[in-house]
Amino acid sequence: MRLTKSTDIALRIAMRLAVLDDTGDAPTTREVASAVDVPYTHAAKVVSKLQHLGAVEARRGRGGGLTLTAAGRTGSLGRLVRELEGVGDVVGCEDDPPCPLRGGCRLRGALRTAQEAFFASL
């Protein structure tokens, strides 16, 4: 399974905020984007998604910045990755056109089990 670029950026941002959380620093989105070496526009979009998921709090103005929420500090990475990646199969059995082998295929179930194990291991 390959993670999307957006999920990769989200994990980097979360790791950076986790390290800074211990110091009490609350960096801006621009500072975090620079620290994890991604364009500001991408970082801003990902921070917005992390806010929506309840993992990051963004405060504006003087003394503001980004911090992990309690849920962001204690939640599982597997849950976060699952929410960022969305629900979907590893392979596109139902794509257009659908796979002609899907009726008797056992690979799809095995891949789904592997995907669940991947999320659980995070």
PDB file of N, CA and C in Angstrom:
ATOM      1  N   MET A   1       0.851  -1.181   0.000  1.00  0.00           N
ATOM      2  CA  MET A   1       0.000   0.000   0.000  1.00  0.00           C
ATOM      3  C   MET A   1       0.890   1.236   0.000  1.00  0.00           C
ATOM      4  N   ARG A   2       0.577   2.153  -0.862  1.00  0.00           N
ATOM      5  CA  ARG A   2       1.336   3.396  -0.943  1.00  0.00           C
ATOM      6  C   ARG A   2       0.462   4.536  -0.434  1.00  0.00           C
ATOM      7  N   LEU A   3       1.019   5.316   0.484  1.00  0.00           N
ATOM      8  CA  LEU A   3       0.282   6.446   1.043  1.00  0.00           C
ATOM      9  C   LEU A   3       0.283   7.604   0.055  1.00  0.00           C
ATOM     10  N   THR A   4      -0.776   8.394   0.083  1.00  0.00           N
ATOM     11  CA  THR A   4      -0.832   9.574  -0.771  1.00  0.00           C
ATOM     12  C   THR A   4       0.154  10.620  -0.250  1.00  0.00           C
ATOM     13  N   LYS A   5       0.507  11.540  -1.120  1.00  0.00           N
ATOM     14  CA  LYS A   5       1.413  12.628  -0.738  1.00  0.00           C
ATOM     15  C   LYS A   5       0.809  13.441   0.405  1.00  0.00           C
ATOM     16  N   SER A   6      -0.486  13.640   0.366  1.00  0.00           N
ATOM     17  CA  SER A   6      -1.167  14.396   1.411  1.00  0.00           C
ATOM     18  C   SER A   6      -1.027  13.713   2.772  1.00  0.00           C
ATOM     19  N   THR A   7      -1.180  12.399   2.803  1.00  0.00           N
ATOM     20  CA  THR A   7      -1.026  11.656   4.060  1.00  0.00           C
ATOM     21  C   THR A   7       0.415  11.716   4.537  1.00  0.00           C
ATOM     22  N   ASP A   8       1.356  11.609   3.616  1.00  0.00           N
ATOM     23  CA  ASP A   8       2.774  11.712   3.966  1.00  0.00           C
ATOM     24  C   ASP A   8       3.056  13.064   4.626  1.00  0.00           C
ATOM     25  N   ILE A   9       2.546  14.132   4.039  1.00  0.00           N
ATOM     26  CA  ILE A   9       2.741  15.472   4.600  1.00  0.00           C
ATOM     27  C   ILE A   9       2.083  15.570   5.971  1.00  0.00           C
ATOM     28  N   ALA A  10       0.881  15.023   6.103  1.00  0.00           N
ATOM     29  CA  ALA A  10       0.168  15.068   7.388  1.00  0.00           C
ATOM     30  C   ALA A  10       0.959  14.364   8.482  1.00  0.00           C
ATOM     31  N   LEU A  11       1.535  13.223   8.165  1.00  0.00           N
ATOM     32  CA  LEU A  11       2.321  12.493   9.165  1.00  0.00           C
ATOM     33  C   LEU A  11       3.577  13.273   9.545  1.00  0.00           C
ATOM     34  N   ARG A  12       4.215  13.898   8.553  1.00  0.00           N
ATOM     35  CA  ARG A  12       5.403  14.709   8.858  1.00  0.00           C
ATOM     36  C   ARG A  12       5.042  15.896   9.749  1.00  0.00           C
ATOM     37  N   ILE A  13       3.926  16.542   9.447  1.00  0.00           N
ATOM     38  CA  ILE A  13       3.485  17.682  10.260  1.00  0.00           C
ATOM     39  C   ILE A  13       3.163  17.227  11.677  1.00  0.00           C
ATOM     40  N   ALA A  14       2.450  16.122  11.802  1.00  0.00           N
ATOM     41  CA  ALA A  14       2.097  15.606  13.132  1.00  0.00           C
ATOM     42  C   ALA A  14       3.350  15.255  13.934  1.00  0.00           C
ATOM     43  N   MET A  15       4.338  14.641  13.279  1.00  0.00           N
ATOM     44  CA  MET A  15       5.585  14.301  13.984  1.00  0.00           C
ATOM     45  C   MET A  15       6.312  15.559  14.429  1.00  0.00           C
ATOM     46  N   ARG A  16       6.349  16.558  13.558  1.00  0.00           N
ATOM     47  CA  ARG A  16       7.025  17.819  13.902  1.00  0.00           C
ATOM     48  C   ARG A  16       6.331  18.495  15.085  1.00  0.00           C
ATOM     49  N   LEU A  17       5.012  18.516  15.068  1.00  0.00           N
ATOM     50  CA  LEU A  17       4.271  19.130  16.170  1.00  0.00           C
ATOM     51  C   LEU A  17       4.431  18.333  17.456  1.00  0.00           C
ATOM     52  N   ALA A  18       4.543  17.019  17.354  1.00  0.00           N
ATOM     53  CA  ALA A  18       4.736  16.190  18.550  1.00  0.00           C
ATOM     54  C   ALA A  18       6.068  16.513  19.212  1.00  0.00           C
ATOM     55  N   VAL A  19       7.098  16.724  18.414  1.00  0.00           N
ATOM     56  CA  VAL A  19       8.416  17.073  18.957  1.00  0.00           C
ATOM     57  C   VAL A  19       8.357  18.447  19.613  1.00  0.00           C
ATOM     58  N   LEU A  20       7.712  19.403  18.955  1.00  0.00           N
ATOM     59  CA  LEU A  20       7.636  20.762  19.486  1.00  0.00           C
ATOM     60  C   LEU A  20       6.675  20.866  20.660  1.00  0.00           C
ATOM     61  N   ASP A  21       5.733  19.929  20.760  1.00  0.00           N
ATOM     62  CA  ASP A  21       4.759  19.929  21.850  1.00  0.00           C
ATOM     63  C   ASP A  21       5.456  19.877  23.204  1.00  0.00           C
ATOM     64  N   ASP A  22       6.548  19.139  23.271  1.00  0.00           N
ATOM     65  CA  ASP A  22       7.301  19.013  24.522  1.00  0.00           C
ATOM     66  C   ASP A  22       7.987  20.315  24.916  1.00  0.00           C
ATOM     67  N   THR A  23       8.261  21.180  23.936  1.00  0.00           N
ATOM     68  CA  THR A  23       8.957  22.433  24.220  1.00  0.00           C
ATOM     69  C   THR A  23       7.994  23.587  24.469  1.00  0.00           C
ATOM     70  N   GLY A  24       6.725  23.378  24.156  1.00  0.00           N
ATOM     71  CA  GLY A  24       5.734  24.439  24.336  1.00  0.00           C
ATOM     72  C   GLY A  24       5.638  25.383  23.155  1.00  0.00           C
ATOM     73  N   ASP A  25       6.427  25.137  22.099  1.00  0.00           N
ATOM     74  CA  ASP A  25       6.371  25.986  20.910  1.00  0.00           C
ATOM     75  C   ASP A  25       5.112  25.687  20.102  1.00  0.00           C
ATOM     76  N   ALA A  26       4.578  26.718  19.471  1.00  0.00           N
ATOM     77  CA  ALA A  26       3.423  26.575  18.583  1.00  0.00           C
ATOM     78  C   ALA A  26       3.770  27.264  17.266  1.00  0.00           C
ATOM     79  N   PRO A  27       4.386  26.538  16.330  1.00  0.00           N
ATOM     80  CA  PRO A  27       4.827  27.151  15.078  1.00  0.00           C
ATOM     81  C   PRO A  27       3.652  27.498  14.168  1.00  0.00           C
ATOM     82  N   THR A  28       3.911  28.389  13.238  1.00  0.00           N
ATOM     83  CA  THR A  28       2.908  28.728  12.232  1.00  0.00           C
ATOM     84  C   THR A  28       2.915  27.647  11.152  1.00  0.00           C
ATOM     85  N   THR A  29       1.896  27.678  10.325  1.00  0.00           N
ATOM     86  CA  THR A  29       1.838  26.728   9.209  1.00  0.00           C
ATOM     87  C   THR A  29       3.035  26.929   8.293  1.00  0.00           C
ATOM     88  N   ARG A  30       3.406  28.171   8.071  1.00  0.00           N
ATOM     89  CA  ARG A  30       4.558  28.454   7.206  1.00  0.00           C
ATOM     90  C   ARG A  30       5.848  27.878   7.794  1.00  0.00           C
ATOM     91  N   GLU A  31       6.027  28.002   9.102  1.00  0.00           N
ATOM     92  CA  GLU A  31       7.226  27.455   9.757  1.00  0.00           C
ATOM     93  C   GLU A  31       7.258  25.932   9.678  1.00  0.00           C
ATOM     94  N   VAL A  32       6.111  25.309   9.890  1.00  0.00           N
ATOM     95  CA  VAL A  32       6.049  23.845   9.806  1.00  0.00           C
ATOM     96  C   VAL A  32       6.299  23.387   8.374  1.00  0.00           C
ATOM     97  N   ALA A  33       5.730  24.090   7.400  1.00  0.00           N
ATOM     98  CA  ALA A  33       5.945  23.744   5.993  1.00  0.00           C
ATOM     99  C   ALA A  33       7.430  23.772   5.659  1.00  0.00           C
ATOM    100  N   SER A  34       8.110  24.794   6.130  1.00  0.00           N
ATOM    101  CA  SER A  34       9.549  24.904   5.901  1.00  0.00           C
ATOM    102  C   SER A  34      10.308  23.778   6.602  1.00  0.00           C
ATOM    103  N   ALA A  35       9.912  23.467   7.833  1.00  0.00           N
ATOM    104  CA  ALA A  35      10.605  22.440   8.618  1.00  0.00           C
ATOM    105  C   ALA A  35      10.467  21.047   8.012  1.00  0.00           C
ATOM    106  N   VAL A  36       9.323  20.766   7.392  1.00  0.00           N
ATOM    107  CA  VAL A  36       9.124  19.435   6.805  1.00  0.00           C
ATOM    108  C   VAL A  36       9.337  19.446   5.294  1.00  0.00           C
ATOM    109  N   ASP A  37       9.802  20.585   4.782  1.00  0.00           N
ATOM    110  CA  ASP A  37      10.209  20.733   3.387  1.00  0.00           C
ATOM    111  C   ASP A  37       9.086  20.439   2.389  1.00  0.00           C
ATOM    112  N   VAL A  38       7.952  21.116   2.591  1.00  0.00           N
ATOM    113  CA  VAL A  38       6.840  21.021   1.640  1.00  0.00           C
ATOM    114  C   VAL A  38       6.355  22.431   1.328  1.00  0.00           C
ATOM    115  N   PRO A  39       5.737  22.626   0.172  1.00  0.00           N
ATOM    116  CA  PRO A  39       5.211  23.952  -0.153  1.00  0.00           C
ATOM    117  C   PRO A  39       4.158  24.395   0.868  1.00  0.00           C
ATOM    118  N   TYR A  40       4.134  25.676   1.142  1.00  0.00           N
ATOM    119  CA  TYR A  40       3.189  26.230   2.114  1.00  0.00           C
ATOM    120  C   TYR A  40       1.747  25.892   1.757  1.00  0.00           C
ATOM    121  N   THR A  41       1.404  26.003   0.472  1.00  0.00           N
ATOM    122  CA  THR A  41       0.015  25.750   0.075  1.00  0.00           C
ATOM    123  C   THR A  41      -0.408  24.319   0.392  1.00  0.00           C
ATOM    124  N   HIS A  42       0.493  23.357   0.173  1.00  0.00           N
ATOM    125  CA  HIS A  42       0.181  21.956   0.503  1.00  0.00           C
ATOM    126  C   HIS A  42       0.029  21.793   2.011  1.00  0.00           C
ATOM    127  N   ALA A  43       0.949  22.398   2.754  1.00  0.00           N
ATOM    128  CA  ALA A  43       0.901  22.287   4.218  1.00  0.00           C
ATOM    129  C   ALA A  43      -0.386  22.900   4.757  1.00  0.00           C
ATOM    130  N   ALA A  44      -0.792  24.039   4.212  1.00  0.00           N
ATOM    131  CA  ALA A  44      -2.012  24.699   4.685  1.00  0.00           C
ATOM    132  C   ALA A  44      -3.237  23.820   4.455  1.00  0.00           C
ATOM    133  N   LYS A  45      -3.293  23.178   3.297  1.00  0.00           N
ATOM    134  CA  LYS A  45      -4.418  22.296   2.994  1.00  0.00           C
ATOM    135  C   LYS A  45      -4.444  21.094   3.946  1.00  0.00           C
ATOM    136  N   VAL A  46      -3.269  20.538   4.225  1.00  0.00           N
ATOM    137  CA  VAL A  46      -3.172  19.379   5.116  1.00  0.00           C
ATOM    138  C   VAL A  46      -3.498  19.777   6.557  1.00  0.00           C
ATOM    139  N   VAL A  47      -3.015  20.936   6.992  1.00  0.00           N
ATOM    140  CA  VAL A  47      -3.327  21.413   8.348  1.00  0.00           C
ATOM    141  C   VAL A  47      -4.839  21.578   8.502  1.00  0.00           C
ATOM    142  N   SER A  48      -5.489  22.098   7.473  1.00  0.00           N
ATOM    143  CA  SER A  48      -6.943  22.246   7.516  1.00  0.00           C
ATOM    144  C   SER A  48      -7.621  20.886   7.688  1.00  0.00           C
ATOM    145  N   LYS A  49      -7.134  19.893   6.975  1.00  0.00           N
ATOM    146  CA  LYS A  49      -7.693  18.531   7.094  1.00  0.00           C
ATOM    147  C   LYS A  49      -7.440  17.970   8.494  1.00  0.00           C
ATOM    148  N   LEU A  50      -6.233  18.182   9.034  1.00  0.00           N
ATOM    149  CA  LEU A  50      -5.909  17.704  10.384  1.00  0.00           C
ATOM    150  C   LEU A  50      -6.781  18.401  11.430  1.00  0.00           C
ATOM    151  N   GLN A  51      -7.082  19.673  11.212  1.00  0.00           N
ATOM    152  CA  GLN A  51      -8.001  20.392  12.107  1.00  0.00           C
ATOM    153  C   GLN A  51      -9.386  19.762  12.052  1.00  0.00           C
ATOM    154  N   HIS A  52      -9.846  19.510  10.851  1.00  0.00           N
ATOM    155  CA  HIS A  52     -11.172  18.913  10.658  1.00  0.00           C
ATOM    156  C   HIS A  52     -11.266  17.545  11.344  1.00  0.00           C
ATOM    157  N   LEU A  53     -10.176  16.791  11.341  1.00  0.00           N
ATOM    158  CA  LEU A  53     -10.146  15.474  11.983  1.00  0.00           C
ATOM    159  C   LEU A  53      -9.949  15.571  13.494  1.00  0.00           C
ATOM    160  N   GLY A  54      -9.692  16.784  13.990  1.00  0.00           N
ATOM    161  CA  GLY A  54      -9.535  16.976  15.430  1.00  0.00           C
ATOM    162  C   GLY A  54      -8.159  16.636  15.965  1.00  0.00           C
ATOM    163  N   ALA A  55      -7.168  16.535  15.085  1.00  0.00           N
ATOM    164  CA  ALA A  55      -5.814  16.179  15.511  1.00  0.00           C
ATOM    165  C   ALA A  55      -4.948  17.403  15.793  1.00  0.00           C
ATOM    166  N   VAL A  56      -5.271  18.525  15.166  1.00  0.00           N
ATOM    167  CA  VAL A  56      -4.463  19.742  15.286  1.00  0.00           C
ATOM    168  C   VAL A  56      -5.375  20.919  15.621  1.00  0.00           C
ATOM    169  N   GLU A  57      -4.854  21.795  16.474  1.00  0.00           N
ATOM    170  CA  GLU A  57      -5.540  23.050  16.772  1.00  0.00           C
ATOM    171  C   GLU A  57      -4.697  24.178  16.196  1.00  0.00           C
ATOM    172  N   ALA A  58      -5.343  25.093  15.499  1.00  0.00           N
ATOM    173  CA  ALA A  58      -4.656  26.254  14.934  1.00  0.00           C
ATOM    174  C   ALA A  58      -5.245  27.508  15.564  1.00  0.00           C
ATOM    175  N   ARG A  59      -4.372  28.271  16.213  1.00  0.00           N
ATOM    176  CA  ARG A  59      -4.800  29.534  16.827  1.00  0.00           C
ATOM    177  C   ARG A  59      -4.195  30.680  16.022  1.00  0.00           C
ATOM    178  N   ARG A  60      -5.018  31.677  15.740  1.00  0.00           N
ATOM    179  CA  ARG A  60      -4.565  32.832  14.965  1.00  0.00           C
ATOM    180  C   ARG A  60      -4.046  33.931  15.872  1.00  0.00           C
ATOM    181  N   GLY A  61      -3.303  34.822  15.255  1.00  0.00           N
ATOM    182  CA  GLY A  61      -2.870  36.028  15.956  1.00  0.00           C
ATOM    183  C   GLY A  61      -1.645  35.832  16.819  1.00  0.00           C
ATOM    184  N   ARG A  62      -1.363  36.890  17.576  1.00  0.00           N
ATOM    185  CA  ARG A  62      -0.194  36.890  18.455  1.00  0.00           C
ATOM    186  C   ARG A  62      -0.324  35.758  19.476  1.00  0.00           C
ATOM    187  N   GLY A  63       0.721  34.996  19.624  1.00  0.00           N
ATOM    188  CA  GLY A  63       0.687  33.859  20.539  1.00  0.00           C
ATOM    189  C   GLY A  63      -0.011  32.647  19.952  1.00  0.00           C
ATOM    190  N   GLY A  64      -0.385  32.728  18.683  1.00  0.00           N
ATOM    191  CA  GLY A  64      -1.068  31.613  18.035  1.00  0.00           C
ATOM    192  C   GLY A  64      -0.087  30.615  17.451  1.00  0.00           C
ATOM    193  N   GLY A  65      -0.595  29.724  16.670  1.00  0.00           N
ATOM    194  CA  GLY A  65       0.225  28.711  16.029  1.00  0.00           C
ATOM    195  C   GLY A  65      -0.474  27.364  16.045  1.00  0.00           C
ATOM    196  N   LEU A  66       0.269  26.347  15.686  1.00  0.00           N
ATOM    197  CA  LEU A  66      -0.268  24.994  15.583  1.00  0.00           C
ATOM    198  C   LEU A  66       0.164  24.148  16.767  1.00  0.00           C
ATOM    199  N   THR A  67      -0.767  23.388  17.300  1.00  0.00           N
ATOM    200  CA  THR A  67      -0.461  22.417  18.353  1.00  0.00           C
ATOM    201  C   THR A  67      -1.293  21.165  18.111  1.00  0.00           C
ATOM    202  N   LEU A  68      -0.792  20.059  18.603  1.00  0.00           N
ATOM    203  CA  LEU A  68      -1.576  18.829  18.577  1.00  0.00           C
ATOM    204  C   LEU A  68      -2.651  18.915  19.650  1.00  0.00           C
ATOM    205  N   THR A  69      -3.822  18.416  19.355  1.00  0.00           N
ATOM    206  CA  THR A  69      -4.879  18.333  20.361  1.00  0.00           C
ATOM    207  C   THR A  69      -4.614  17.100  21.229  1.00  0.00           C
ATOM    208  N   ALA A  70      -5.397  16.944  22.277  1.00  0.00           N
ATOM    209  CA  ALA A  70      -5.270  15.740  23.110  1.00  0.00           C
ATOM    210  C   ALA A  70      -5.502  14.496  22.257  1.00  0.00           C
ATOM    211  N   ALA A  71      -6.489  14.550  21.370  1.00  0.00           N
ATOM    212  CA  ALA A  71      -6.758  13.413  20.479  1.00  0.00           C
ATOM    213  C   ALA A  71      -5.590  13.182  19.523  1.00  0.00           C
ATOM    214  N   GLY A  72      -4.963  14.258  19.077  1.00  0.00           N
ATOM    215  CA  GLY A  72      -3.812  14.142  18.188  1.00  0.00           C
ATOM    216  C   GLY A  72      -2.604  13.530  18.872  1.00  0.00           C
ATOM    217  N   ARG A  73      -2.479  13.790  20.174  1.00  0.00           N
ATOM    218  CA  ARG A  73      -1.345  13.232  20.931  1.00  0.00           C
ATOM    219  C   ARG A  73      -1.561  11.772  21.302  1.00  0.00           C
ATOM    220  N   THR A  74      -2.802  11.390  21.556  1.00  0.00           N
ATOM    221  CA  THR A  74      -3.051  10.040  22.071  1.00  0.00           C
ATOM    222  C   THR A  74      -3.689   9.090  21.063  1.00  0.00           C
ATOM    223  N   GLY A  75      -4.211   9.621  19.965  1.00  0.00           N
ATOM    224  CA  GLY A  75      -4.866   8.764  18.973  1.00  0.00           C
ATOM    225  C   GLY A  75      -3.869   7.895  18.231  1.00  0.00           C
ATOM    226  N   SER A  76      -4.359   6.847  17.625  1.00  0.00           N
ATOM    227  CA  SER A  76      -3.464   5.946  16.893  1.00  0.00           C
ATOM    228  C   SER A  76      -3.155   6.511  15.508  1.00  0.00           C
ATOM    229  N   LEU A  77      -1.954   6.252  15.055  1.00  0.00           N
ATOM    230  CA  LEU A  77      -1.582   6.664  13.702  1.00  0.00           C
ATOM    231  C   LEU A  77      -2.416   5.910  12.679  1.00  0.00           C
ATOM    232  N   GLY A  78      -2.743   4.661  12.997  1.00  0.00           N
ATOM    233  CA  GLY A  78      -3.564   3.865  12.090  1.00  0.00           C
ATOM    234  C   GLY A  78      -4.904   4.518  11.815  1.00  0.00           C
ATOM    235  N   ARG A  79      -5.547   5.033  12.856  1.00  0.00           N
ATOM    236  CA  ARG A  79      -6.827   5.715  12.692  1.00  0.00           C
ATOM    237  C   ARG A  79      -6.656   6.970  11.847  1.00  0.00           C
ATOM    238  N   LEU A  80      -5.595   7.730  12.137  1.00  0.00           N
ATOM    239  CA  LEU A  80      -5.347   8.961  11.388  1.00  0.00           C
ATOM    240  C   LEU A  80      -5.098   8.653   9.909  1.00  0.00           C
ATOM    241  N   VAL A  81      -4.255   7.668   9.643  1.00  0.00           N
ATOM    242  CA  VAL A  81      -3.959   7.303   8.254  1.00  0.00           C
ATOM    243  C   VAL A  81      -5.227   6.822   7.554  1.00  0.00           C
ATOM    244  N   ARG A  82      -6.017   6.008   8.228  1.00  0.00           N
ATOM    245  CA  ARG A  82      -7.267   5.506   7.639  1.00  0.00           C
ATOM    246  C   ARG A  82      -8.194   6.680   7.283  1.00  0.00           C
ATOM    247  N   GLU A  83      -8.298   7.660   8.167  1.00  0.00           N
ATOM    248  CA  GLU A  83      -9.166   8.809   7.903  1.00  0.00           C
ATOM    249  C   GLU A  83      -8.613   9.686   6.786  1.00  0.00           C
ATOM    250  N   LEU A  84      -7.305   9.824   6.721  1.00  0.00           N
ATOM    251  CA  LEU A  84      -6.696  10.632   5.665  1.00  0.00           C
ATOM    252  C   LEU A  84      -6.777   9.941   4.307  1.00  0.00           C
ATOM    253  N   GLU A  85      -6.566   8.636   4.294  1.00  0.00           N
ATOM    254  CA  GLU A  85      -6.564   7.879   3.045  1.00  0.00           C
ATOM    255  C   GLU A  85      -7.971   7.587   2.543  1.00  0.00           C
ATOM    256  N   GLY A  86      -8.933   7.546   3.453  1.00  0.00           N
ATOM    257  CA  GLY A  86     -10.288   7.194   3.060  1.00  0.00           C
ATOM    258  C   GLY A  86     -10.446   5.687   2.960  1.00  0.00           C
ATOM    259  N   VAL A  87     -11.667   5.273   2.777  1.00  0.00           N
ATOM    260  CA  VAL A  87     -11.965   3.847   2.679  1.00  0.00           C
ATOM    261  C   VAL A  87     -11.793   3.433   1.231  1.00  0.00           C
ATOM    262  N   GLY A  88     -11.082   2.368   1.044  1.00  0.00           N
ATOM    263  CA  GLY A  88     -10.898   1.877  -0.316  1.00  0.00           C
ATOM    264  C   GLY A  88     -10.063   0.620  -0.325  1.00  0.00           C
ATOM    265  N   ASP A  89     -10.228  -0.138  -1.374  1.00  0.00           N
ATOM    266  CA  ASP A  89      -9.467  -1.368  -1.513  1.00  0.00           C
ATOM    267  C   ASP A  89      -8.085  -1.065  -2.074  1.00  0.00           C
ATOM    268  N   VAL A  90      -7.160  -1.961  -1.803  1.00  0.00           N
ATOM    269  CA  VAL A  90      -5.802  -1.822  -2.318  1.00  0.00           C
ATOM    270  C   VAL A  90      -5.813  -1.962  -3.837  1.00  0.00           C
ATOM    271  N   VAL A  91      -6.651  -2.845  -4.334  1.00  0.00           N
ATOM    272  CA  VAL A  91      -6.772  -3.042  -5.781  1.00  0.00           C
ATOM    273  C   VAL A  91      -8.170  -2.626  -6.220  1.00  0.00           C
ATOM    274  N   GLY A  92      -8.291  -2.250  -7.465  1.00  0.00           N
ATOM    275  CA  GLY A  92      -9.565  -1.756  -7.983  1.00  0.00           C
ATOM    276  C   GLY A  92     -10.388  -2.824  -8.677  1.00  0.00           C
ATOM    277  N   CYS A  93     -10.878  -3.781  -7.912  1.00  0.00           N
ATOM    278  CA  CYS A  93     -11.668  -4.883  -8.483  1.00  0.00           C
ATOM    279  C   CYS A  93     -12.946  -4.395  -9.157  1.00  0.00           C
ATOM    280  N   GLU A  94     -13.495  -3.310  -8.660  1.00  0.00           N
ATOM    281  CA  GLU A  94     -14.768  -2.801  -9.180  1.00  0.00           C
ATOM    282  C   GLU A  94     -14.583  -1.622 -10.125  1.00  0.00           C
ATOM    283  N   ASP A  95     -13.340  -1.361 -10.528  1.00  0.00           N
ATOM    284  CA  ASP A  95     -13.085  -0.246 -11.444  1.00  0.00           C
ATOM    285  C   ASP A  95     -13.844  -0.454 -12.752  1.00  0.00           C
ATOM    286  N   ASP A  96     -13.775   0.545 -13.609  1.00  0.00           N
ATOM    287  CA  ASP A  96     -14.416   0.443 -14.908  1.00  0.00           C
ATOM    288  C   ASP A  96     -13.345   0.210 -15.955  1.00  0.00           C
ATOM    289  N   PRO A  97     -13.259  -0.893 -16.591  1.00  0.00           N
ATOM    290  CA  PRO A  97     -14.123  -2.064 -16.440  1.00  0.00           C
ATOM    291  C   PRO A  97     -13.726  -2.876 -15.206  1.00  0.00           C
ATOM    292  N   PRO A  98     -14.697  -3.580 -14.618  1.00  0.00           N
ATOM    293  CA  PRO A  98     -14.386  -4.400 -13.442  1.00  0.00           C
ATOM    294  C   PRO A  98     -13.510  -5.589 -13.817  1.00  0.00           C
ATOM    295  N   CYS A  99     -12.778  -6.074 -12.841  1.00  0.00           N
ATOM    296  CA  CYS A  99     -11.899  -7.222 -13.069  1.00  0.00           C
ATOM    297  C   CYS A  99     -12.749  -8.451 -13.402  1.00  0.00           C
ATOM    298  N   PRO A 100     -12.426  -9.167 -14.470  1.00  0.00           N
ATOM    299  CA  PRO A 100     -13.218 -10.345 -14.837  1.00  0.00           C
ATOM    300  C   PRO A 100     -13.034 -11.520 -13.868  1.00  0.00           C
ATOM    301  N   LEU A 101     -12.041 -11.456 -12.997  1.00  0.00           N
ATOM    302  CA  LEU A 101     -11.773 -12.556 -12.062  1.00  0.00           C
ATOM    303  C   LEU A 101     -12.401 -12.338 -10.694  1.00  0.00           C
ATOM    304  N   ARG A 102     -13.079 -11.225 -10.498  1.00  0.00           N
ATOM    305  CA  ARG A 102     -13.536 -10.858  -9.157  1.00  0.00           C
ATOM    306  C   ARG A 102     -14.516 -11.842  -8.531  1.00  0.00           C
ATOM    307  N   GLY A 103     -15.269 -12.585  -9.318  1.00  0.00           N
ATOM    308  CA  GLY A 103     -16.250 -13.524  -8.782  1.00  0.00           C
ATOM    309  C   GLY A 103     -15.638 -14.623  -7.920  1.00  0.00           C
ATOM    310  N   GLY A 104     -14.530 -15.195  -8.342  1.00  0.00           N
ATOM    311  CA  GLY A 104     -13.919 -16.295  -7.594  1.00  0.00           C
ATOM    312  C   GLY A 104     -12.573 -15.936  -6.994  1.00  0.00           C
ATOM    313  N   CYS A 105     -12.274 -14.674  -6.942  1.00  0.00           N
ATOM    314  CA  CYS A 105     -10.950 -14.229  -6.487  1.00  0.00           C
ATOM    315  C   CYS A 105     -10.861 -14.187  -4.964  1.00  0.00           C
ATOM    316  N   ARG A 106      -9.767 -14.727  -4.437  1.00  0.00           N
ATOM    317  CA  ARG A 106      -9.528 -14.660  -2.992  1.00  0.00           C
ATOM    318  C   ARG A 106      -8.452 -13.630  -2.652  1.00  0.00           C
ATOM    319  N   LEU A 107      -7.826 -13.072  -3.667  1.00  0.00           N
ATOM    320  CA  LEU A 107      -6.765 -12.084  -3.451  1.00  0.00           C
ATOM    321  C   LEU A 107      -7.306 -10.818  -2.793  1.00  0.00           C
ATOM    322  N   ARG A 108      -8.481 -10.395  -3.205  1.00  0.00           N
ATOM    323  CA  ARG A 108      -9.065  -9.166  -2.655  1.00  0.00           C
ATOM    324  C   ARG A 108      -9.217  -9.260  -1.135  1.00  0.00           C
ATOM    325  N   GLY A 109      -9.713 -10.389  -0.644  1.00  0.00           N
ATOM    326  CA  GLY A 109      -9.872 -10.588   0.801  1.00  0.00           C
ATOM    327  C   GLY A 109      -8.534 -10.597   1.518  1.00  0.00           C
ATOM    328  N   ALA A 110      -7.545 -11.241   0.904  1.00  0.00           N
ATOM    329  CA  ALA A 110      -6.209 -11.291   1.512  1.00  0.00           C
ATOM    330  C   ALA A 110      -5.599  -9.897   1.579  1.00  0.00           C
ATOM    331  N   LEU A 111      -5.784  -9.118   0.527  1.00  0.00           N
ATOM    332  CA  LEU A 111      -5.247  -7.756   0.520  1.00  0.00           C
ATOM    333  C   LEU A 111      -5.972  -6.870   1.526  1.00  0.00           C
ATOM    334  N   ARG A 112      -7.271  -7.071   1.680  1.00  0.00           N
ATOM    335  CA  ARG A 112      -8.025  -6.305   2.675  1.00  0.00           C
ATOM    336  C   ARG A 112      -7.530  -6.645   4.085  1.00  0.00           C
ATOM    337  N   THR A 113      -7.268  -7.928   4.342  1.00  0.00           N
ATOM    338  CA  THR A 113      -6.733  -8.350   5.642  1.00  0.00           C
ATOM    339  C   THR A 113      -5.364  -7.721   5.883  1.00  0.00           C
ATOM    340  N   ALA A 114      -4.527  -7.694   4.852  1.00  0.00           N
ATOM    341  CA  ALA A 114      -3.198  -7.085   4.971  1.00  0.00           C
ATOM    342  C   ALA A 114      -3.313  -5.586   5.233  1.00  0.00           C
ATOM    343  N   GLN A 115      -4.259  -4.937   4.580  1.00  0.00           N
ATOM    344  CA  GLN A 115      -4.468  -3.501   4.778  1.00  0.00           C
ATOM    345  C   GLN A 115      -4.905  -3.218   6.214  1.00  0.00           C
ATOM    346  N   GLU A 116      -5.812  -4.024   6.743  1.00  0.00           N
ATOM    347  CA  GLU A 116      -6.258  -3.854   8.127  1.00  0.00           C
ATOM    348  C   GLU A 116      -5.104  -4.078   9.100  1.00  0.00           C
ATOM    349  N   ALA A 117      -4.254  -5.060   8.811  1.00  0.00           N
ATOM    350  CA  ALA A 117      -3.086  -5.320   9.662  1.00  0.00           C
ATOM    351  C   ALA A 117      -2.126  -4.136   9.619  1.00  0.00           C
ATOM    352  N   PHE A 118      -1.983  -3.532   8.452  1.00  0.00           N
ATOM    353  CA  PHE A 118      -1.129  -2.352   8.309  1.00  0.00           C
ATOM    354  C   PHE A 118      -1.637  -1.219   9.195  1.00  0.00           C
ATOM    355  N   PHE A 119      -2.939  -0.920   9.111  1.00  0.00           N
ATOM    356  CA  PHE A 119      -3.513   0.147   9.936  1.00  0.00           C
ATOM    357  C   PHE A 119      -3.374  -0.176  11.420  1.00  0.00           C
ATOM    358  N   ALA A 120      -3.615  -1.426  11.777  1.00  0.00           N
ATOM    359  CA  ALA A 120      -3.536  -1.833  13.189  1.00  0.00           C
ATOM    360  C   ALA A 120      -2.114  -1.721  13.726  1.00  0.00           C
ATOM    361  N   SER A 121      -1.122  -1.930  12.866  1.00  0.00           N
ATOM    362  CA  SER A 121       0.272  -1.888  13.326  1.00  0.00           C
ATOM    363  C   SER A 121       0.758  -0.473  13.595  1.00  0.00           C
ATOM    364  N   LEU A 122       0.045   0.516  13.074  1.00  0.00           N
ATOM    365  CA  LEU A 122       0.430   1.910  13.309  1.00  0.00           C
ATOM    366  C   LEU A 122      -0.099   2.308  14.643  1.00  0.00           C
TER     367      LEU A 122
END
